Every structure is written in structure tokens, then in C-alpha cells.
Amino acid sequence: MESGSNAMDFMNRNKKILSNKHESVEWIKYVPYFGIQIMVLGVFLVPITWACVILAVLSYSIRMFAITAFYHRYFSHRTFKASRITQAMGAIVGCSAGQRGPLWWAAHHRIHHRQSDSDKDPHSPQKKGVIWSHMLWFMTEDAKVTPMKEVPDLHKLPELRFLNRFHWIPVVLLATSCYLLGETDWATENFSATGIQWLIWGFIVPTTALYHATYTVNSLAHLFGKRRFRTKDDSRNNSFVALITLGEGWHNNHHFFPGSVRQGFTKWELDPTYWGLKMMSYMGLVSDLSPIPAWVQTKVNEHEEDRSRK
């Protein structure tokens, strides 16, 4: 009886979404988005080599770092300091991941934290279902807009406003570069490469992986995993999500204290984004990394001690 009630609630929620013009998915406008993912099938049409695998891993990792370190921990939460040049470079690489501009990303993320898992949360799986929270939420009329009042600190910088408006330029440049690099004599002679092959493995495959890995933070990390802290939302620490997002899966930690640059609160909670930022701080590229406060670390230690006794 309970499962039938849950199914009915799910159907009613989705019926309400589809009947609301502001929450209706604009499918036609997102043909390029779906087109990129369909083109993943091109892996069956081109040979795979170690160079392709390395290219895909690098393309994925560098852009994921830009999303997690800059779009999230810097633009959204300001957990460290960076020069205008460093933040602009982070924004450009972040844009190339195809997840819109830095102001748009940070604005919606700040709303998410303030309204997490409430009716006003843009992407709560608790309120509107897993698929909605995973990707459909940003395909609506309302979600296209950047709520500038949420990011007055970022809006004052013209380079960020430019990238937010023309966020598609780095995407096109990366795709074009992958194709043209694969067509060079150097790539052909050393790696038996072709333009189409490197377009698929350097752009199409890792971009699709980036999409869905990033989305799991909104969907899976609010449904599956452990809750160390009692927060007002249903955020979870999910090790799988942390693995594929360079440390973003320690989501309950993050929602409990979003002001820390580090999201893995114990030595076992791997956080490659934090390690990367730490290295950048040694190089002078970033500074003032916000640490985990002592009172938060005390709570973590107490929780771990309680677990060890059980």
C-alpha cells in the first residue's frame, strides 16, 4: 500500500511539473546537449588506443577540477582567494565542461544551499524525483536565467560577465582543437590519430562523463550514502560520487559546513580537489584556503569515536 502511495505521489509531482510552463523541459533547445551524448556511440566507429584513453582522462580530470575547485569551491563558496588571472583561467576551463557560465552555476548553487531539499530547491530529488534533480531541472525556462542578485560579488567583474554570456565559446574551442590536433602530422605519425578519433575521445566522451558525474552530486548524494551530521536537508556522504567528482561526494560534510575548502573531513575521505588547491597554494596561484574549523573537527572526531565503539 505504501509503495503504491509513493508511486502515486511521484506521478502527481511529475504531472504538476509538466503542466507548469516554467518547469516544462524545453527539449528542442537542448538538441545539441543530447547530440553530444548520442555521439558517444562514435567510439564504436573509431579505433581506441592508449593515447585516446590518456586524452580522455586528462580532458575529464582537468575540467572536473575546474568545476569542483573554481565553479563550486571558489565562485559559489569563496573558500579561497585567487588573482583575477587565476580565477579567469579557472572560469574558462570550467566553461569548456559545457555546464554554463560561472555566474549562472554559482547563483543556482547558492540558492540550492539556502533552500536545500525544500520546495524552492532547484534540484531536490526529494521533491521532484531523481531524473529531475539529475538533469531536467536546468532545461526549463526559469533555470536558463542567471539570478544576478545571488552573485553581486561576481557580477562586478566584466570578464566573468562576458564568460557567463558567451559560455559556449570555450566548449566550441575545445571541440575544434581536439579535431584539429588529431589531424596534425604529429598526431598521425606518433599516435595514428585522426581528427574524428580525437574529437570523440578528447571531447565527446569526457564531456558526457563530466555531465553525469557532476549531476550525481545533486541526485545521488541526496539519496544514497551516510549522514554524519544532522542537517536540514537530506545530503549524504557518498564515496562513489566522491571518487568520480574529485572529492565532491562528501556532501553531508559540505552541507554541514560549506565554508571549508576541504570537503573530506577525515584522512580516509579522499578529496583530490583539495590536494590540487593545496599544490596551487604552494605555487602562489591561490591563497587563504579556508580550513575545517576546530569545532567542526571536534564533532567529526566524536562521531568517528562513536562509530569505532559500535
Foldseek 3Di string as FASTA:
>chain_A
DVVVVVVVLQVVLVVVQCVDQQNNFPVVVCPVVVVLQVCLVCPVVDDDDPVLVVLLVVLQVVLLLLCLQQLALPQQQNQWFFDPVLNLVSQLSPLLLVPAGSQLSNQLVNQCLVQPLHPSNLAACNRNHQVSLLPRSCRGPVSVDRPVVSRVVQVVDPSRVVCRVPSCVSNVVQLVVQLVVQCDPVNCVPPVGHSSSSSSSNHSVSSVLNSRLVSCQRHVQQPDADALDDDPGRGHQDLVSCVSSQQSSLGNQCSVPVSASHSQLDPVRGHRSVVVVVVCVVVVRIGNRRHDDPVSNVSVVVSVVVVVVD
